[in-house]
Amino acid sequence: MKKNKYDLFLILKKLKKNKLLNNLSTLNDEKHRLEFVKKTLNEMLNDNNKSNKTENYGSDLRVKAAFRANLMNKLEISNNRETHIQNEIKQNLMEIGKIEKQKEKIRSRKKIFQLKKDNLSELKKESYFKPKNSQYP
């Protein structure tokens, strides 16, 4: 069966949609990993806040402060990454919606094209078209 341009457009849109869905699943997996990392960092930060010793030395305080600063920096980075991933997910969903609209438009144009083609073939069957360079009068 010979494919027309509309069939090829539909295949192209299907491929783009599959690629976006694959990217979306990857982003969702990464989002779940980031949520786990944030949860772990918050637990570590809360555990570091609790002090078992009543006496704290200067070096101990310095080490704890550096550790807390490092944890807070990592927590901020994971929060920024999560917002970036959320934006990417939103954009992918918008693109998938656009592709669906384009596919519907292509399908409607394909139907119109097929109707025109069918009407032309019916006209050819009903009446005999004489070629211009015909030898018959």
C-alpha atoms as a PDB file:
ATOM      1  CA  MET A   1       0.000   0.000   0.000  1.00  0.00           C
ATOM      2  CA  LYS A   2       1.363   3.357  -1.006  1.00  0.00           C
ATOM      3  CA  LYS A   3       1.561   5.859   1.813  1.00  0.00           C
ATOM      4  CA  ASN A   4       0.666   9.463   1.262  1.00  0.00           C
ATOM      5  CA  LYS A   5       2.205  12.419   3.022  1.00  0.00           C
ATOM      6  CA  TYR A   6      -0.432  12.396   5.768  1.00  0.00           C
ATOM      7  CA  ASP A   7       0.426   8.824   6.742  1.00  0.00           C
ATOM      8  CA  LEU A   8       4.082   9.816   6.961  1.00  0.00           C
ATOM      9  CA  PHE A   9       3.215  12.862   9.069  1.00  0.00           C
ATOM     10  CA  LEU A  10       1.244  10.653  11.461  1.00  0.00           C
ATOM     11  CA  ILE A  11       4.186   8.271  11.792  1.00  0.00           C
ATOM     12  CA  LEU A  12       6.510  11.200  12.471  1.00  0.00           C
ATOM     13  CA  LYS A  13       4.186  12.575  15.165  1.00  0.00           C
ATOM     14  CA  LYS A  14       3.901   9.131  16.727  1.00  0.00           C
ATOM     15  CA  LEU A  15       7.695   8.872  16.930  1.00  0.00           C
ATOM     16  CA  LYS A  16       7.963  12.327  18.501  1.00  0.00           C
ATOM     17  CA  LYS A  17       5.284  11.461  21.037  1.00  0.00           C
ATOM     18  CA  ASN A  18       7.019   8.196  21.959  1.00  0.00           C
ATOM     19  CA  LYS A  19      10.288  10.055  22.449  1.00  0.00           C
ATOM     20  CA  LEU A  20       8.595  12.621  24.693  1.00  0.00           C
ATOM     21  CA  LEU A  21       6.876   9.877  26.705  1.00  0.00           C
ATOM     22  CA  ASN A  22      10.210   8.143  27.186  1.00  0.00           C
ATOM     23  CA  ASN A  23      11.778  11.419  28.370  1.00  0.00           C
ATOM     24  CA  LEU A  24       8.808  11.966  30.666  1.00  0.00           C
ATOM     25  CA  SER A  25       9.256   8.597  32.340  1.00  0.00           C
ATOM     26  CA  THR A  26      12.977   9.301  32.803  1.00  0.00           C
ATOM     27  CA  LEU A  27      12.183  12.680  34.367  1.00  0.00           C
ATOM     28  CA  ASN A  28       9.640  11.093  36.711  1.00  0.00           C
ATOM     29  CA  ASP A  29      12.221   8.522  37.830  1.00  0.00           C
ATOM     30  CA  GLU A  30      14.719  11.290  38.497  1.00  0.00           C
ATOM     31  CA  LYS A  31      12.079  13.244  40.395  1.00  0.00           C
ATOM     32  CA  HIS A  32      11.465  10.259  42.693  1.00  0.00           C
ATOM     33  CA  ARG A  33      15.196   9.883  43.293  1.00  0.00           C
ATOM     34  CA  LEU A  34      15.452  13.570  44.185  1.00  0.00           C
ATOM     35  CA  GLU A  35      12.571  13.256  46.638  1.00  0.00           C
ATOM     36  CA  PHE A  36      14.407  10.380  48.325  1.00  0.00           C
ATOM     37  CA  VAL A  37      17.634  12.420  48.443  1.00  0.00           C
ATOM     38  CA  LYS A  38      15.817  15.412  49.948  1.00  0.00           C
ATOM     39  CA  LYS A  39      14.189  13.214  52.560  1.00  0.00           C
ATOM     40  CA  THR A  40      17.548  11.666  53.486  1.00  0.00           C
ATOM     41  CA  LEU A  41      19.281  15.053  53.671  1.00  0.00           C
ATOM     42  CA  ASN A  42      16.530  16.449  55.899  1.00  0.00           C
ATOM     43  CA  GLU A  43      16.845  13.443  58.218  1.00  0.00           C
ATOM     44  CA  MET A  44      20.618  13.893  58.395  1.00  0.00           C
ATOM     45  CA  LEU A  45      20.161  17.597  59.107  1.00  0.00           C
ATOM     46  CA  ASN A  46      17.688  16.873  61.906  1.00  0.00           C
ATOM     47  CA  ASP A  47      19.956  14.193  63.393  1.00  0.00           C
ATOM     48  CA  ASN A  48      22.885  16.615  63.355  1.00  0.00           C
ATOM     49  CA  ASN A  49      20.829  19.211  65.240  1.00  0.00           C
ATOM     50  CA  LYS A  50      20.427  16.884  68.205  1.00  0.00           C
ATOM     51  CA  SER A  51      23.506  16.949  70.360  1.00  0.00           C
ATOM     52  CA  ASN A  52      24.228  14.164  72.869  1.00  0.00           C
ATOM     53  CA  LYS A  53      27.065  15.924  74.591  1.00  0.00           C
ATOM     54  CA  THR A  54      26.550  18.765  76.992  1.00  0.00           C
ATOM     55  CA  GLU A  55      30.077  20.034  76.497  1.00  0.00           C
ATOM     56  CA  ASN A  56      31.014  21.163  73.029  1.00  0.00           C
ATOM     57  CA  TYR A  57      34.529  22.044  72.057  1.00  0.00           C
ATOM     58  CA  GLY A  58      35.443  24.622  69.464  1.00  0.00           C
ATOM     59  CA  SER A  59      36.726  22.098  66.947  1.00  0.00           C
ATOM     60  CA  ASP A  60      33.583  19.982  67.341  1.00  0.00           C
ATOM     61  CA  LEU A  61      31.406  23.025  66.752  1.00  0.00           C
ATOM     62  CA  ARG A  62      33.427  23.986  63.683  1.00  0.00           C
ATOM     63  CA  VAL A  63      33.141  20.470  62.201  1.00  0.00           C
ATOM     64  CA  LYS A  64      29.381  20.335  62.884  1.00  0.00           C
ATOM     65  CA  ALA A  65      28.877  23.781  61.355  1.00  0.00           C
ATOM     66  CA  ALA A  66      30.803  22.817  58.222  1.00  0.00           C
ATOM     67  CA  PHE A  67      28.831  19.569  57.963  1.00  0.00           C
ATOM     68  CA  ARG A  68      25.521  21.416  58.365  1.00  0.00           C
ATOM     69  CA  ALA A  69      26.548  24.006  55.773  1.00  0.00           C
ATOM     70  CA  ASN A  70      27.446  21.224  53.360  1.00  0.00           C
ATOM     71  CA  LEU A  71      24.098  19.476  53.967  1.00  0.00           C
ATOM     72  CA  MET A  72      22.160  22.706  53.508  1.00  0.00           C
ATOM     73  CA  ASN A  73      24.037  23.431  50.265  1.00  0.00           C
ATOM     74  CA  LYS A  74      23.209  19.959  48.926  1.00  0.00           C
ATOM     75  CA  LEU A  75      19.586  20.380  49.999  1.00  0.00           C
ATOM     76  CA  GLU A  76      19.365  23.695  48.149  1.00  0.00           C
ATOM     77  CA  ILE A  77      20.881  22.135  45.023  1.00  0.00           C
ATOM     78  CA  SER A  78      18.386  19.267  45.128  1.00  0.00           C
ATOM     79  CA  ASN A  79      15.505  21.744  45.561  1.00  0.00           C
ATOM     80  CA  ASN A  80      16.681  23.729  42.535  1.00  0.00           C
ATOM     81  CA  ARG A  81      17.065  20.553  40.509  1.00  0.00           C
ATOM     82  CA  GLU A  82      13.559  19.444  41.482  1.00  0.00           C
ATOM     83  CA  THR A  83      12.013  22.721  40.320  1.00  0.00           C
ATOM     84  CA  HIS A  84      13.954  22.429  37.047  1.00  0.00           C
ATOM     85  CA  ILE A  85      12.678  18.879  36.531  1.00  0.00           C
ATOM     86  CA  GLN A  86       9.118  20.007  37.304  1.00  0.00           C
ATOM     87  CA  ASN A  87       9.425  22.658  34.580  1.00  0.00           C
ATOM     88  CA  GLU A  88      10.763  20.078  32.113  1.00  0.00           C
ATOM     89  CA  ILE A  89       7.882  17.714  32.925  1.00  0.00           C
ATOM     90  CA  LYS A  90       5.389  20.514  32.394  1.00  0.00           C
ATOM     91  CA  GLN A  91       6.947  21.401  29.028  1.00  0.00           C
ATOM     92  CA  ASN A  92       6.915  17.756  27.928  1.00  0.00           C
ATOM     93  CA  LEU A  93       3.230  17.478  28.793  1.00  0.00           C
ATOM     94  CA  MET A  94       2.496  20.644  26.818  1.00  0.00           C
ATOM     95  CA  GLU A  95       4.418  19.268  23.825  1.00  0.00           C
ATOM     96  CA  ILE A  96       2.495  15.995  24.009  1.00  0.00           C
ATOM     97  CA  GLY A  97      -0.756  17.979  23.985  1.00  0.00           C
ATOM     98  CA  LYS A  98       0.409  19.945  20.946  1.00  0.00           C
ATOM     99  CA  ILE A  99       1.338  16.739  19.133  1.00  0.00           C
ATOM    100  CA  GLU A 100      -2.105  15.281  19.832  1.00  0.00           C
ATOM    101  CA  LYS A 101      -3.760  18.389  18.369  1.00  0.00           C
ATOM    102  CA  GLN A 102      -1.489  18.188  15.320  1.00  0.00           C
ATOM    103  CA  LYS A 103      -2.327  14.520  14.850  1.00  0.00           C
ATOM    104  CA  GLU A 104      -6.058  15.304  14.905  1.00  0.00           C
ATOM    105  CA  LYS A 105      -5.542  18.038  12.316  1.00  0.00           C
ATOM    106  CA  ILE A 106      -3.526  15.670  10.112  1.00  0.00           C
ATOM    107  CA  ARG A 107      -6.238  13.013  10.394  1.00  0.00           C
ATOM    108  CA  SER A 108      -8.941  15.480   9.359  1.00  0.00           C
ATOM    109  CA  ARG A 109      -6.874  16.652   6.380  1.00  0.00           C
ATOM    110  CA  LYS A 110      -6.240  13.029   5.439  1.00  0.00           C
ATOM    111  CA  LYS A 111     -10.001  12.395   5.412  1.00  0.00           C
ATOM    112  CA  ILE A 112     -10.596  15.446   3.226  1.00  0.00           C
ATOM    113  CA  PHE A 113      -7.827  14.345   0.854  1.00  0.00           C
ATOM    114  CA  GLN A 114      -9.297  10.839   0.660  1.00  0.00           C
ATOM    115  CA  LEU A 115     -12.780  12.212  -0.059  1.00  0.00           C
ATOM    116  CA  LYS A 116     -11.414  14.367  -2.883  1.00  0.00           C
ATOM    117  CA  LYS A 117      -9.535  11.423  -4.295  1.00  0.00           C
ATOM    118  CA  ASP A 118     -12.644   9.198  -4.133  1.00  0.00           C
ATOM    119  CA  ASN A 119     -14.794  11.866  -5.795  1.00  0.00           C
ATOM    120  CA  LEU A 120     -12.280  12.257  -8.596  1.00  0.00           C
ATOM    121  CA  SER A 121     -12.138   8.513  -9.184  1.00  0.00           C
ATOM    122  CA  GLU A 122     -15.966   8.372  -9.276  1.00  0.00           C
ATOM    123  CA  LEU A 123     -16.046  11.182 -11.818  1.00  0.00           C
ATOM    124  CA  LYS A 124     -13.540   9.343 -13.965  1.00  0.00           C
ATOM    125  CA  LYS A 125     -15.637   6.201 -13.821  1.00  0.00           C
ATOM    126  CA  GLU A 126     -18.878   8.020 -14.667  1.00  0.00           C
ATOM    127  CA  SER A 127     -17.637   9.979 -17.610  1.00  0.00           C
ATOM    128  CA  TYR A 128     -15.048   9.251 -20.199  1.00  0.00           C
ATOM    129  CA  PHE A 129     -12.300  11.848 -20.323  1.00  0.00           C
ATOM    130  CA  LYS A 130     -10.932  12.274 -23.810  1.00  0.00           C
ATOM    131  CA  PRO A 131      -7.304  13.114 -24.059  1.00  0.00           C
ATOM    132  CA  LYS A 132      -6.513  16.249 -26.019  1.00  0.00           C
ATOM    133  CA  ASN A 133      -4.256  14.509 -28.504  1.00  0.00           C
ATOM    134  CA  SER A 134      -6.775  11.871 -29.332  1.00  0.00           C
ATOM    135  CA  GLN A 135      -6.954  10.574 -32.892  1.00  0.00           C
ATOM    136  CA  TYR A 136     -10.624   9.743 -32.581  1.00  0.00           C
ATOM    137  CA  PRO A 137     -13.140  12.491 -33.428  1.00  0.00           C
END
